[in-house]
Amino acid sequence: MDFVLSTKSYPREAGLLARRARIMGDLDLVVSLYERTAASQIRAAMPGSYSTELSTILNGFGLTDRKVDIAHWILCRSPGRGRET
């Protein structure tokens, strides 16, 4: 998980701490960090659908033309919890 803290971050949005991506051979790993834990709040932060949101994220990192597997992790924490996720 060290790369989550030390790689390029996608632009921040309200309630979204950061997005990070890492290419690892035949796998692209994308991590979204949300400062909210309620599923309804996380869904509300994704305009349209999850697929639309994932497409936007991949485009933001330039990962759309790669023919590899993609893993998307969503890490959530309660507001004001510092680095505890």
PDB file of N, CA and C in Angstrom:
ATOM      1  N   MET A   1       0.801  -1.201   0.000  1.00  0.00           N
ATOM      2  CA  MET A   1       0.000   0.000   0.000  1.00  0.00           C
ATOM      3  C   MET A   1       0.845   1.266   0.000  1.00  0.00           C
ATOM      4  N   ASP A   2       2.160   1.131   0.101  1.00  0.00           N
ATOM      5  CA  ASP A   2       3.006   2.315   0.099  1.00  0.00           C
ATOM      6  C   ASP A   2       2.801   3.166  -1.149  1.00  0.00           C
ATOM      7  N   PHE A   3       2.550   2.517  -2.288  1.00  0.00           N
ATOM      8  CA  PHE A   3       2.394   3.293  -3.508  1.00  0.00           C
ATOM      9  C   PHE A   3       1.184   4.223  -3.453  1.00  0.00           C
ATOM     10  N   VAL A   4       0.184   3.882  -2.642  1.00  0.00           N
ATOM     11  CA  VAL A   4      -0.997   4.746  -2.518  1.00  0.00           C
ATOM     12  C   VAL A   4      -0.584   6.128  -2.019  1.00  0.00           C
ATOM     13  N   LEU A   5       0.417   6.176  -1.176  1.00  0.00           N
ATOM     14  CA  LEU A   5       0.864   7.443  -0.605  1.00  0.00           C
ATOM     15  C   LEU A   5       1.932   8.132  -1.431  1.00  0.00           C
ATOM     16  N   SER A   6       2.581   7.402  -2.345  1.00  0.00           N
ATOM     17  CA  SER A   6       3.752   7.980  -3.006  1.00  0.00           C
ATOM     18  C   SER A   6       3.665   8.057  -4.521  1.00  0.00           C
ATOM     19  N   THR A   7       2.478   7.899  -5.111  1.00  0.00           N
ATOM     20  CA  THR A   7       2.365   7.988  -6.559  1.00  0.00           C
ATOM     21  C   THR A   7       1.466   9.148  -6.962  1.00  0.00           C
ATOM     22  N   LYS A   8       1.439   9.416  -8.254  1.00  0.00           N
ATOM     23  CA  LYS A   8       0.653  10.509  -8.815  1.00  0.00           C
ATOM     24  C   LYS A   8      -0.801  10.430  -8.366  1.00  0.00           C
ATOM     25  N   SER A   9      -1.340  11.558  -7.936  1.00  0.00           N
ATOM     26  CA  SER A   9      -2.722  11.615  -7.471  1.00  0.00           C
ATOM     27  C   SER A   9      -3.604  12.258  -8.527  1.00  0.00           C
ATOM     28  N   TYR A  10      -4.763  11.683  -8.721  1.00  0.00           N
ATOM     29  CA  TYR A  10      -5.775  12.268  -9.598  1.00  0.00           C
ATOM     30  C   TYR A  10      -6.350  13.489  -8.874  1.00  0.00           C
ATOM     31  N   PRO A  11      -6.835  14.479  -9.584  1.00  0.00           N
ATOM     32  CA  PRO A  11      -7.374  15.679  -8.889  1.00  0.00           C
ATOM     33  C   PRO A  11      -8.399  15.338  -7.820  1.00  0.00           C
ATOM     34  N   ARG A  12      -8.311  16.024  -6.705  1.00  0.00           N
ATOM     35  CA  ARG A  12      -9.217  15.787  -5.576  1.00  0.00           C
ATOM     36  C   ARG A  12     -10.588  16.403  -5.817  1.00  0.00           C
ATOM     37  N   GLU A  13     -11.583  15.781  -5.201  1.00  0.00           N
ATOM     38  CA  GLU A  13     -12.951  16.274  -5.233  1.00  0.00           C
ATOM     39  C   GLU A  13     -13.481  16.241  -3.811  1.00  0.00           C
ATOM     40  N   ALA A  14     -14.593  16.911  -3.576  1.00  0.00           N
ATOM     41  CA  ALA A  14     -15.185  16.920  -2.231  1.00  0.00           C
ATOM     42  C   ALA A  14     -15.450  15.491  -1.770  1.00  0.00           C
ATOM     43  N   GLY A  15     -14.960  15.148  -0.592  1.00  0.00           N
ATOM     44  CA  GLY A  15     -15.174  13.823  -0.031  1.00  0.00           C
ATOM     45  C   GLY A  15     -14.251  12.756  -0.569  1.00  0.00           C
ATOM     46  N   LEU A  16     -13.487  13.083  -1.597  1.00  0.00           N
ATOM     47  CA  LEU A  16     -12.558  12.137  -2.194  1.00  0.00           C
ATOM     48  C   LEU A  16     -11.157  12.582  -1.845  1.00  0.00           C
ATOM     49  N   LEU A  17     -10.433  11.760  -1.119  1.00  0.00           N
ATOM     50  CA  LEU A  17      -9.090  12.138  -0.690  1.00  0.00           C
ATOM     51  C   LEU A  17      -8.118  12.139  -1.853  1.00  0.00           C
ATOM     52  N   ALA A  18      -8.132  11.101  -2.638  1.00  0.00           N
ATOM     53  CA  ALA A  18      -7.202  11.014  -3.761  1.00  0.00           C
ATOM     54  C   ALA A  18      -7.489   9.768  -4.567  1.00  0.00           C
ATOM     55  N   ARG A  19      -6.952   9.749  -5.750  1.00  0.00           N
ATOM     56  CA  ARG A  19      -6.956   8.545  -6.575  1.00  0.00           C
ATOM     57  C   ARG A  19      -5.518   8.328  -7.000  1.00  0.00           C
ATOM     58  N   ARG A  20      -5.116   7.101  -7.004  1.00  0.00           N
ATOM     59  CA  ARG A  20      -3.756   6.760  -7.400  1.00  0.00           C
ATOM     60  C   ARG A  20      -3.809   5.576  -8.368  1.00  0.00           C
ATOM     61  N   ALA A  21      -2.817   5.480  -9.223  1.00  0.00           N
ATOM     62  CA  ALA A  21      -2.753   4.361 -10.162  1.00  0.00           C
ATOM     63  C   ALA A  21      -1.323   3.867 -10.265  1.00  0.00           C
ATOM     64  N   ARG A  22      -1.207   2.584 -10.526  1.00  0.00           N
ATOM     65  CA  ARG A  22       0.114   1.996 -10.725  1.00  0.00           C
ATOM     66  C   ARG A  22      -0.004   0.892 -11.755  1.00  0.00           C
ATOM     67  N   ILE A  23       0.923   0.891 -12.695  1.00  0.00           N
ATOM     68  CA  ILE A  23       0.989  -0.155 -13.709  1.00  0.00           C
ATOM     69  C   ILE A  23       1.972  -1.200 -13.213  1.00  0.00           C
ATOM     70  N   MET A  24       1.491  -2.445 -13.143  1.00  0.00           N
ATOM     71  CA  MET A  24       2.335  -3.543 -12.668  1.00  0.00           C
ATOM     72  C   MET A  24       2.278  -4.674 -13.687  1.00  0.00           C
ATOM     73  N   GLY A  25       3.059  -4.554 -14.738  1.00  0.00           N
ATOM     74  CA  GLY A  25       3.067  -5.577 -15.783  1.00  0.00           C
ATOM     75  C   GLY A  25       1.730  -5.644 -16.489  1.00  0.00           C
ATOM     76  N   ASP A  26       1.055  -6.773 -16.363  1.00  0.00           N
ATOM     77  CA  ASP A  26      -0.236  -6.977 -17.024  1.00  0.00           C
ATOM     78  C   ASP A  26      -1.411  -6.575 -16.149  1.00  0.00           C
ATOM     79  N   LEU A  27      -1.168  -5.772 -15.121  1.00  0.00           N
ATOM     80  CA  LEU A  27      -2.230  -5.324 -14.229  1.00  0.00           C
ATOM     81  C   LEU A  27      -2.109  -3.833 -13.977  1.00  0.00           C
ATOM     82  N   ASP A  28      -3.204  -3.121 -14.159  1.00  0.00           N
ATOM     83  CA  ASP A  28      -3.286  -1.712 -13.751  1.00  0.00           C
ATOM     84  C   ASP A  28      -4.083  -1.678 -12.458  1.00  0.00           C
ATOM     85  N   LEU A  29      -3.500  -1.125 -11.411  1.00  0.00           N
ATOM     86  CA  LEU A  29      -4.170  -1.022 -10.120  1.00  0.00           C
ATOM     87  C   LEU A  29      -4.513   0.428  -9.853  1.00  0.00           C
ATOM     88  N   VAL A  30      -5.785   0.697  -9.610  1.00  0.00           N
ATOM     89  CA  VAL A  30      -6.266   2.043  -9.306  1.00  0.00           C
ATOM     90  C   VAL A  30      -6.909   1.997  -7.925  1.00  0.00           C
ATOM     91  N   VAL A  31      -6.572   2.967  -7.092  1.00  0.00           N
ATOM     92  CA  VAL A  31      -7.117   3.034  -5.744  1.00  0.00           C
ATOM     93  C   VAL A  31      -7.797   4.384  -5.555  1.00  0.00           C
ATOM     94  N   SER A  32      -9.046   4.369  -5.102  1.00  0.00           N
ATOM     95  CA  SER A  32      -9.780   5.584  -4.756  1.00  0.00           C
ATOM     96  C   SER A  32      -9.909   5.636  -3.245  1.00  0.00           C
ATOM     97  N   LEU A  33      -9.571   6.772  -2.661  1.00  0.00           N
ATOM     98  CA  LEU A  33      -9.641   6.949  -1.212  1.00  0.00           C
ATOM     99  C   LEU A  33     -10.753   7.941  -0.892  1.00  0.00           C
ATOM    100  N   TYR A  34     -11.794   7.482  -0.213  1.00  0.00           N
ATOM    101  CA  TYR A  34     -12.935   8.327   0.122  1.00  0.00           C
ATOM    102  C   TYR A  34     -12.957   8.654   1.609  1.00  0.00           C
ATOM    103  N   GLU A  35     -13.277   9.880   1.920  1.00  0.00           N
ATOM    104  CA  GLU A  35     -13.452  10.271   3.321  1.00  0.00           C
ATOM    105  C   GLU A  35     -14.944  10.223   3.645  1.00  0.00           C
ATOM    106  N   ARG A  36     -15.480   9.042   3.545  1.00  0.00           N
ATOM    107  CA  ARG A  36     -16.873   8.743   3.879  1.00  0.00           C
ATOM    108  C   ARG A  36     -16.988   7.230   3.908  1.00  0.00           C
ATOM    109  N   THR A  37     -17.922   6.734   4.663  1.00  0.00           N
ATOM    110  CA  THR A  37     -18.068   5.281   4.768  1.00  0.00           C
ATOM    111  C   THR A  37     -19.451   4.770   4.385  1.00  0.00           C
ATOM    112  N   ALA A  38     -20.435   5.640   4.338  1.00  0.00           N
ATOM    113  CA  ALA A  38     -21.791   5.207   3.979  1.00  0.00           C
ATOM    114  C   ALA A  38     -21.857   4.913   2.479  1.00  0.00           C
ATOM    115  N   ALA A  39     -22.340   3.727   2.144  1.00  0.00           N
ATOM    116  CA  ALA A  39     -22.432   3.327   0.738  1.00  0.00           C
ATOM    117  C   ALA A  39     -23.237   4.340  -0.076  1.00  0.00           C
ATOM    118  N   SER A  40     -24.290   4.880   0.492  1.00  0.00           N
ATOM    119  CA  SER A  40     -25.119   5.851  -0.240  1.00  0.00           C
ATOM    120  C   SER A  40     -24.331   7.116  -0.568  1.00  0.00           C
ATOM    121  N   GLN A  41     -23.442   7.552   0.336  1.00  0.00           N
ATOM    122  CA  GLN A  41     -22.622   8.738   0.081  1.00  0.00           C
ATOM    123  C   GLN A  41     -21.566   8.460  -0.994  1.00  0.00           C
ATOM    124  N   ILE A  42     -21.031   7.257  -0.986  1.00  0.00           N
ATOM    125  CA  ILE A  42     -20.032   6.895  -1.992  1.00  0.00           C
ATOM    126  C   ILE A  42     -20.689   6.804  -3.364  1.00  0.00           C
ATOM    127  N   ARG A  43     -21.871   6.192  -3.423  1.00  0.00           N
ATOM    128  CA  ARG A  43     -22.605   6.131  -4.695  1.00  0.00           C
ATOM    129  C   ARG A  43     -22.941   7.532  -5.198  1.00  0.00           C
ATOM    130  N   ALA A  44     -23.333   8.425  -4.293  1.00  0.00           N
ATOM    131  CA  ALA A  44     -23.672   9.805  -4.677  1.00  0.00           C
ATOM    132  C   ALA A  44     -22.460  10.540  -5.233  1.00  0.00           C
ATOM    133  N   ALA A  45     -21.266  10.145  -4.804  1.00  0.00           N
ATOM    134  CA  ALA A  45     -20.042  10.787  -5.288  1.00  0.00           C
ATOM    135  C   ALA A  45     -19.653  10.291  -6.676  1.00  0.00           C
ATOM    136  N   MET A  46     -20.334   9.264  -7.169  1.00  0.00           N
ATOM    137  CA  MET A  46     -20.057   8.718  -8.501  1.00  0.00           C
ATOM    138  C   MET A  46     -21.186   9.101  -9.440  1.00  0.00           C
ATOM    139  N   PRO A  47     -21.030  10.175 -10.200  1.00  0.00           N
ATOM    140  CA  PRO A  47     -22.102  10.591 -11.107  1.00  0.00           C
ATOM    141  C   PRO A  47     -22.368   9.523 -12.167  1.00  0.00           C
ATOM    142  N   GLY A  48     -23.623   9.294 -12.446  1.00  0.00           N
ATOM    143  CA  GLY A  48     -23.978   8.287 -13.441  1.00  0.00           C
ATOM    144  C   GLY A  48     -23.977   6.907 -12.830  1.00  0.00           C
ATOM    145  N   SER A  49     -22.938   6.134 -13.098  1.00  0.00           N
ATOM    146  CA  SER A  49     -22.834   4.770 -12.596  1.00  0.00           C
ATOM    147  C   SER A  49     -21.384   4.475 -12.241  1.00  0.00           C
ATOM    148  N   TYR A  50     -21.176   3.327 -11.630  1.00  0.00           N
ATOM    149  CA  TYR A  50     -19.804   2.933 -11.310  1.00  0.00           C
ATOM    150  C   TYR A  50     -18.980   2.803 -12.588  1.00  0.00           C
ATOM    151  N   SER A  51     -19.573   2.212 -13.632  1.00  0.00           N
ATOM    152  CA  SER A  51     -18.852   2.048 -14.903  1.00  0.00           C
ATOM    153  C   SER A  51     -18.433   3.381 -15.485  1.00  0.00           C
ATOM    154  N   THR A  52     -19.325   4.371 -15.411  1.00  0.00           N
ATOM    155  CA  THR A  52     -18.999   5.712 -15.893  1.00  0.00           C
ATOM    156  C   THR A  52     -17.870   6.309 -15.073  1.00  0.00           C
ATOM    157  N   GLU A  53     -17.933   6.141 -13.761  1.00  0.00           N
ATOM    158  CA  GLU A  53     -16.896   6.664 -12.877  1.00  0.00           C
ATOM    159  C   GLU A  53     -15.554   5.988 -13.151  1.00  0.00           C
ATOM    160  N   LEU A  54     -15.559   4.668 -13.308  1.00  0.00           N
ATOM    161  CA  LEU A  54     -14.319   3.951 -13.585  1.00  0.00           C
ATOM    162  C   LEU A  54     -13.723   4.399 -14.917  1.00  0.00           C
ATOM    163  N   SER A  55     -14.551   4.593 -15.911  1.00  0.00           N
ATOM    164  CA  SER A  55     -14.081   5.084 -17.206  1.00  0.00           C
ATOM    165  C   SER A  55     -13.421   6.456 -17.075  1.00  0.00           C
ATOM    166  N   THR A  56     -14.035   7.342 -16.294  1.00  0.00           N
ATOM    167  CA  THR A  56     -13.476   8.675 -16.059  1.00  0.00           C
ATOM    168  C   THR A  56     -12.121   8.571 -15.364  1.00  0.00           C
ATOM    169  N   ILE A  57     -12.033   7.700 -14.375  1.00  0.00           N
ATOM    170  CA  ILE A  57     -10.778   7.506 -13.645  1.00  0.00           C
ATOM    171  C   ILE A  57      -9.689   6.991 -14.587  1.00  0.00           C
ATOM    172  N   LEU A  58     -10.009   5.958 -15.360  1.00  0.00           N
ATOM    173  CA  LEU A  58      -9.020   5.382 -16.272  1.00  0.00           C
ATOM    174  C   LEU A  58      -8.569   6.397 -17.312  1.00  0.00           C
ATOM    175  N   ASN A  59      -9.508   7.176 -17.843  1.00  0.00           N
ATOM    176  CA  ASN A  59      -9.144   8.232 -18.794  1.00  0.00           C
ATOM    177  C   ASN A  59      -8.213   9.247 -18.148  1.00  0.00           C
ATOM    178  N   GLY A  60      -8.480   9.615 -16.901  1.00  0.00           N
ATOM    179  CA  GLY A  60      -7.657  10.585 -16.195  1.00  0.00           C
ATOM    180  C   GLY A  60      -6.221  10.134 -16.028  1.00  0.00           C
ATOM    181  N   PHE A  61      -6.019   8.842 -15.927  1.00  0.00           N
ATOM    182  CA  PHE A  61      -4.670   8.293 -15.799  1.00  0.00           C
ATOM    183  C   PHE A  61      -4.093   7.839 -17.137  1.00  0.00           C
ATOM    184  N   GLY A  62      -4.867   7.961 -18.206  1.00  0.00           N
ATOM    185  CA  GLY A  62      -4.384   7.513 -19.520  1.00  0.00           C
ATOM    186  C   GLY A  62      -4.284   6.000 -19.639  1.00  0.00           C
ATOM    187  N   LEU A  63      -5.154   5.273 -18.968  1.00  0.00           N
ATOM    188  CA  LEU A  63      -5.088   3.814 -18.949  1.00  0.00           C
ATOM    189  C   LEU A  63      -6.108   3.140 -19.861  1.00  0.00           C
ATOM    190  N   THR A  64      -6.797   3.886 -20.701  1.00  0.00           N
ATOM    191  CA  THR A  64      -7.908   3.307 -21.462  1.00  0.00           C
ATOM    192  C   THR A  64      -7.477   2.450 -22.643  1.00  0.00           C
ATOM    193  N   ASP A  65      -6.325   2.660 -23.206  1.00  0.00           N
ATOM    194  CA  ASP A  65      -5.921   1.923 -24.406  1.00  0.00           C
ATOM    195  C   ASP A  65      -5.088   0.685 -24.111  1.00  0.00           C
ATOM    196  N   ARG A  66      -4.876   0.410 -22.843  1.00  0.00           N
ATOM    197  CA  ARG A  66      -4.051  -0.744 -22.480  1.00  0.00           C
ATOM    198  C   ARG A  66      -4.891  -2.015 -22.472  1.00  0.00           C
ATOM    199  N   LYS A  67      -4.333  -3.096 -22.957  1.00  0.00           N
ATOM    200  CA  LYS A  67      -5.029  -4.390 -23.007  1.00  0.00           C
ATOM    201  C   LYS A  67      -4.542  -5.254 -21.842  1.00  0.00           C
ATOM    202  N   VAL A  68      -4.882  -4.830 -20.630  1.00  0.00           N
ATOM    203  CA  VAL A  68      -4.462  -5.542 -19.423  1.00  0.00           C
ATOM    204  C   VAL A  68      -5.641  -5.643 -18.454  1.00  0.00           C
ATOM    205  N   ASP A  69      -5.465  -6.411 -17.410  1.00  0.00           N
ATOM    206  CA  ASP A  69      -6.470  -6.486 -16.357  1.00  0.00           C
ATOM    207  C   ASP A  69      -6.419  -5.214 -15.520  1.00  0.00           C
ATOM    208  N   ILE A  70      -7.562  -4.860 -14.959  1.00  0.00           N
ATOM    209  CA  ILE A  70      -7.652  -3.663 -14.123  1.00  0.00           C
ATOM    210  C   ILE A  70      -8.241  -4.066 -12.772  1.00  0.00           C
ATOM    211  N   ALA A  71      -7.601  -3.605 -11.707  1.00  0.00           N
ATOM    212  CA  ALA A  71      -8.141  -3.769 -10.363  1.00  0.00           C
ATOM    213  C   ALA A  71      -8.434  -2.373  -9.827  1.00  0.00           C
ATOM    214  N   HIS A  72      -9.617  -2.169  -9.285  1.00  0.00           N
ATOM    215  CA  HIS A  72      -9.977  -0.876  -8.700  1.00  0.00           C
ATOM    216  C   HIS A  72     -10.371  -1.120  -7.254  1.00  0.00           C
ATOM    217  N   TRP A  73      -9.581  -0.578  -6.356  1.00  0.00           N
ATOM    218  CA  TRP A  73      -9.870  -0.681  -4.932  1.00  0.00           C
ATOM    219  C   TRP A  73     -10.473   0.621  -4.463  1.00  0.00           C
ATOM    220  N   ILE A  74     -11.498   0.547  -3.643  1.00  0.00           N
ATOM    221  CA  ILE A  74     -12.096   1.735  -3.026  1.00  0.00           C
ATOM    222  C   ILE A  74     -11.867   1.612  -1.527  1.00  0.00           C
ATOM    223  N   LEU A  75     -11.036   2.490  -0.989  1.00  0.00           N
ATOM    224  CA  LEU A  75     -10.753   2.514   0.441  1.00  0.00           C
ATOM    225  C   LEU A  75     -11.522   3.673   1.059  1.00  0.00           C
ATOM    226  N   CYS A  76     -12.175   3.409   2.178  1.00  0.00           N
ATOM    227  CA  CYS A  76     -13.017   4.417   2.814  1.00  0.00           C
ATOM    228  C   CYS A  76     -12.594   4.629   4.260  1.00  0.00           C
ATOM    229  N   ARG A  77     -12.791   5.849   4.741  1.00  0.00           N
ATOM    230  CA  ARG A  77     -12.531   6.138   6.156  1.00  0.00           C
ATOM    231  C   ARG A  77     -13.515   7.186   6.629  1.00  0.00           C
ATOM    232  N   SER A  78     -13.737   7.200   7.909  1.00  0.00           N
ATOM    233  CA  SER A  78     -14.615   8.211   8.492  1.00  0.00           C
ATOM    234  C   SER A  78     -13.915   9.562   8.444  1.00  0.00           C
ATOM    235  N   PRO A  79     -14.655  10.645   8.219  1.00  0.00           N
ATOM    236  CA  PRO A  79     -14.048  11.979   8.192  1.00  0.00           C
ATOM    237  C   PRO A  79     -13.281  12.268   9.468  1.00  0.00           C
ATOM    238  N   GLY A  80     -12.136  12.935   9.317  1.00  0.00           N
ATOM    239  CA  GLY A  80     -11.356  13.362  10.467  1.00  0.00           C
ATOM    240  C   GLY A  80     -10.571  12.261  11.140  1.00  0.00           C
ATOM    241  N   ARG A  81     -10.365  11.135  10.482  1.00  0.00           N
ATOM    242  CA  ARG A  81      -9.647  10.017  11.097  1.00  0.00           C
ATOM    243  C   ARG A  81      -8.145  10.049  10.793  1.00  0.00           C
ATOM    244  N   GLY A  82      -7.645  11.140  10.203  1.00  0.00           N
ATOM    245  CA  GLY A  82      -6.235  11.212   9.889  1.00  0.00           C
ATOM    246  C   GLY A  82      -5.841  10.178   8.867  1.00  0.00           C
ATOM    247  N   ARG A  83      -4.738   9.489   9.074  1.00  0.00           N
ATOM    248  CA  ARG A  83      -4.246   8.498   8.116  1.00  0.00           C
ATOM    249  C   ARG A  83      -4.870   7.125   8.313  1.00  0.00           C
ATOM    250  N   GLU A  84      -5.730   6.976   9.322  1.00  0.00           N
ATOM    251  CA  GLU A  84      -6.359   5.685   9.591  1.00  0.00           C
ATOM    252  C   GLU A  84      -7.423   5.421   8.555  1.00  0.00           C
ATOM    253  N   THR A  85      -7.286   4.343   7.790  1.00  0.00           N
ATOM    254  CA  THR A  85      -8.232   3.991   6.717  1.00  0.00           C
ATOM    255  C   THR A  85      -8.839   2.638   6.990  1.00  0.00           C
TER     256      THR A  85
END
